[in-house]
Amino acid sequence: MEISINSLKERDAEELFQFETDNRLFFEQMVPSRGEDYYRFEAFKIKHRELLAEQEEEKSKFYLIKDNSGNIVGRINLVDIDTANNIAEVGYRVGEEYGGKGIGAKALKLLLETEISVKKIKAKTTTNNIASQKVLEKNGFKQVCISGDEFEMNGQKERFIDYLLEL
């Protein structure tokens, strides 16, 4: 599947909210929940505008991953951009029906080909999210550490795995 990454815009709010709502249960199997408020459209719109302001201030870059038909299949973000220390953090999520098709790896590759103003990119995933670990490693990220702190998610004990890419 061919994909593109497109900068987040104000007009994306409704379609992105639908994508997040449709994939909520799937995402919450792999990452901690964003909370109930996130899934109320009025609260979501406020959060959406906050992200756009953060993007405008160049503190973060938010992208939608889209297929050839323009449908949202995921999202990928470069956040906490710290140009003074040359570091930022990447995060991404691919919708349930699009998993296992290499979309996460392709989107991360596309993101890394954009103008990135830092020399190091951090990433974090959970120990149960093997797909995310593969996406990071395929794009050159190296595992830095596995957190000693456990947390419970969906009745399972999990830990975070930290990754780093040096450009």
Protein backbone atom coordinates (compact mmCIF):
# COMPACT_ATOMS: atom_id res chain seq x y z
CA MET A 1 0.00 0.00 0.00
CA GLU A 2 1.31 3.41 -0.97
CA ILE A 3 1.03 6.05 1.73
CA SER A 4 1.85 9.69 2.34
CA ILE A 5 2.27 11.76 5.46
CA ASN A 6 0.43 15.08 5.58
CA SER A 7 0.79 17.88 8.14
CA LEU A 8 -2.10 18.06 10.57
CA LYS A 9 -4.61 20.81 9.75
CA GLU A 10 -7.64 22.31 11.50
CA ARG A 11 -9.96 20.76 8.90
CA ASP A 12 -8.77 17.24 9.89
CA ALA A 13 -10.50 17.28 13.30
CA GLU A 14 -13.68 15.33 12.44
CA GLU A 15 -12.00 12.64 10.34
CA LEU A 16 -9.19 12.23 12.88
CA PHE A 17 -11.68 11.99 15.75
CA GLN A 18 -13.52 9.23 13.87
CA PHE A 19 -10.24 7.38 13.23
CA GLU A 20 -9.25 7.60 16.91
CA THR A 21 -12.70 6.53 18.08
CA ASP A 22 -12.89 3.61 15.62
CA ASN A 23 -9.48 2.34 16.74
CA ARG A 24 -9.68 3.10 20.46
CA LEU A 25 -9.97 -0.48 21.71
CA PHE A 26 -7.21 -1.65 19.39
CA PHE A 27 -4.82 1.13 20.46
CA GLU A 28 -5.56 0.58 24.13
CA GLN A 29 -4.34 -3.01 23.81
CA MET A 30 -0.84 -1.66 23.09
CA VAL A 31 -0.57 1.76 24.74
CA PRO A 32 -2.11 3.37 27.82
CA SER A 33 -5.51 4.99 27.26
CA ARG A 34 -5.80 8.67 26.44
CA GLY A 35 -8.76 8.84 28.84
CA GLU A 36 -12.50 9.22 28.43
CA ASP A 37 -12.41 12.96 27.77
CA TYR A 38 -10.35 12.47 24.61
CA TYR A 39 -13.27 10.59 23.06
CA ARG A 40 -15.79 13.40 23.49
CA PHE A 41 -15.71 15.50 20.30
CA GLU A 42 -15.86 18.89 22.07
CA ALA A 43 -12.83 17.99 24.23
CA PHE A 44 -11.09 16.45 21.21
CA LYS A 45 -11.48 19.69 19.23
CA ILE A 46 -9.79 21.62 22.07
CA LYS A 47 -6.90 19.14 22.14
CA HIS A 48 -6.68 19.32 18.33
CA ARG A 49 -6.35 23.12 18.43
CA GLU A 50 -3.68 22.81 21.16
CA LEU A 51 -1.68 20.46 18.93
CA LEU A 52 -1.96 22.87 16.01
CA ALA A 53 -0.70 25.73 18.21
CA GLU A 54 2.22 23.55 19.33
CA GLN A 55 2.97 22.79 15.68
CA GLU A 56 2.79 26.48 14.78
CA GLU A 57 5.35 27.20 17.53
CA GLU A 58 7.58 24.46 16.01
CA LYS A 59 7.60 22.50 19.28
CA SER A 60 6.14 19.49 17.46
CA LYS A 61 5.26 18.24 13.99
CA PHE A 62 2.04 16.26 13.60
CA TYR A 63 1.24 14.19 10.52
CA LEU A 64 -1.62 12.06 9.30
CA ILE A 65 -0.69 8.88 7.45
CA LYS A 66 -3.01 8.59 4.45
CA ASP A 67 -3.58 5.98 1.76
CA ASN A 68 -3.89 6.78 -1.97
CA SER A 69 -7.59 7.56 -1.53
CA GLY A 70 -6.86 10.14 1.17
CA ASN A 71 -8.17 8.04 4.06
CA ILE A 72 -6.44 8.32 7.42
CA VAL A 73 -4.70 5.01 8.17
CA GLY A 74 -2.56 6.29 11.03
CA ARG A 75 -0.66 9.19 12.48
CA ILE A 76 2.97 9.96 13.19
CA ASN A 77 4.37 12.80 15.26
CA LEU A 78 7.69 14.37 16.13
CA VAL A 79 7.19 15.97 19.55
CA ASP A 80 9.14 17.75 22.27
CA ILE A 81 11.47 19.21 19.64
CA ASP A 82 14.44 20.64 21.50
CA THR A 83 16.74 22.30 18.96
CA ALA A 84 19.09 23.55 21.69
CA ASN A 85 19.87 19.96 22.67
CA ASN A 86 19.26 18.51 19.17
CA ILE A 87 16.68 15.95 20.32
CA ALA A 88 12.99 15.14 19.80
CA GLU A 89 10.67 12.19 20.33
CA VAL A 90 8.68 10.24 17.74
CA GLY A 91 5.32 8.56 18.21
CA TYR A 92 2.99 6.81 15.79
CA ARG A 93 -0.09 4.64 15.55
CA VAL A 94 -1.60 2.70 12.67
CA GLY A 95 -5.28 1.74 12.55
CA GLU A 96 -6.25 -1.86 13.24
CA GLU A 97 -7.33 -2.74 9.70
CA TYR A 98 -4.01 -1.45 8.33
CA GLY A 99 -1.68 -3.32 10.67
CA GLY A 100 0.86 -5.81 9.36
CA LYS A 101 1.23 -4.02 6.01
CA GLY A 102 4.45 -2.13 6.73
CA ILE A 103 2.67 1.20 7.02
CA GLY A 104 4.31 2.18 10.32
CA ALA A 105 7.79 1.49 8.94
CA LYS A 106 7.05 3.39 5.70
CA ALA A 107 5.58 6.36 7.58
CA LEU A 108 8.59 6.54 9.90
CA LYS A 109 10.92 6.40 6.90
CA LEU A 110 8.96 9.26 5.28
CA LEU A 111 9.11 11.27 8.49
CA LEU A 112 12.88 10.78 8.71
CA GLU A 113 13.17 12.11 5.15
CA THR A 114 11.48 15.41 6.09
CA GLU A 115 13.45 18.40 7.30
CA ILE A 116 14.35 17.40 10.83
CA SER A 117 16.17 20.01 12.89
CA VAL A 118 17.58 17.59 15.48
CA LYS A 119 20.36 15.00 15.55
CA LYS A 120 18.74 12.50 17.93
CA ILE A 121 15.22 11.06 18.03
CA LYS A 122 13.89 9.15 21.01
CA ALA A 123 11.05 6.62 20.90
CA LYS A 124 9.24 4.55 23.48
CA THR A 125 7.06 1.49 23.19
CA THR A 126 5.69 -1.17 25.49
CA THR A 127 7.14 -4.63 25.94
CA ASN A 128 4.03 -6.21 24.41
CA ASN A 129 4.11 -4.07 21.26
CA ILE A 130 6.38 -6.22 19.09
CA ALA A 131 5.15 -4.56 15.88
CA SER A 132 6.26 -1.13 17.11
CA GLN A 133 9.63 -2.51 18.17
CA LYS A 134 10.13 -3.90 14.63
CA VAL A 135 9.14 -0.55 13.05
CA LEU A 136 11.75 1.28 15.11
CA GLU A 137 14.51 -1.25 14.54
CA LYS A 138 13.82 -1.41 10.79
CA ASN A 139 14.41 2.36 10.67
CA GLY A 140 17.72 2.23 12.55
CA PHE A 141 16.60 2.92 16.10
CA LYS A 142 18.65 1.17 18.78
CA GLN A 143 17.21 -0.11 22.04
CA VAL A 144 18.61 1.96 24.90
CA CYS A 145 16.94 0.36 27.92
CA ILE A 146 13.92 -1.44 29.28
CA SER A 147 12.37 0.34 32.22
CA GLY A 148 12.59 -1.43 35.55
CA ASP A 149 9.19 0.01 36.49
CA GLU A 150 6.23 -2.20 35.65
CA PHE A 151 2.69 -0.98 35.10
CA GLU A 152 -0.51 -2.87 34.53
CA MET A 153 -2.32 -2.56 31.23
CA ASN A 154 -5.23 -4.81 30.23
CA GLY A 155 -4.47 -7.14 33.13
CA GLN A 156 -0.85 -7.66 32.05
CA LYS A 157 2.37 -6.38 33.58
CA GLU A 158 4.20 -4.21 31.05
CA ARG A 159 7.31 -2.07 30.90
CA PHE A 160 8.46 0.63 28.53
CA ILE A 161 11.33 0.11 26.11
CA ASP A 162 13.31 3.22 25.18
CA TYR A 163 14.91 3.60 21.76
CA LEU A 164 17.25 6.18 20.20
CA LEU A 165 18.19 7.09 16.64
CA GLU A 166 21.24 9.24 16.03
CA LEU A 167 21.09 11.03 12.69
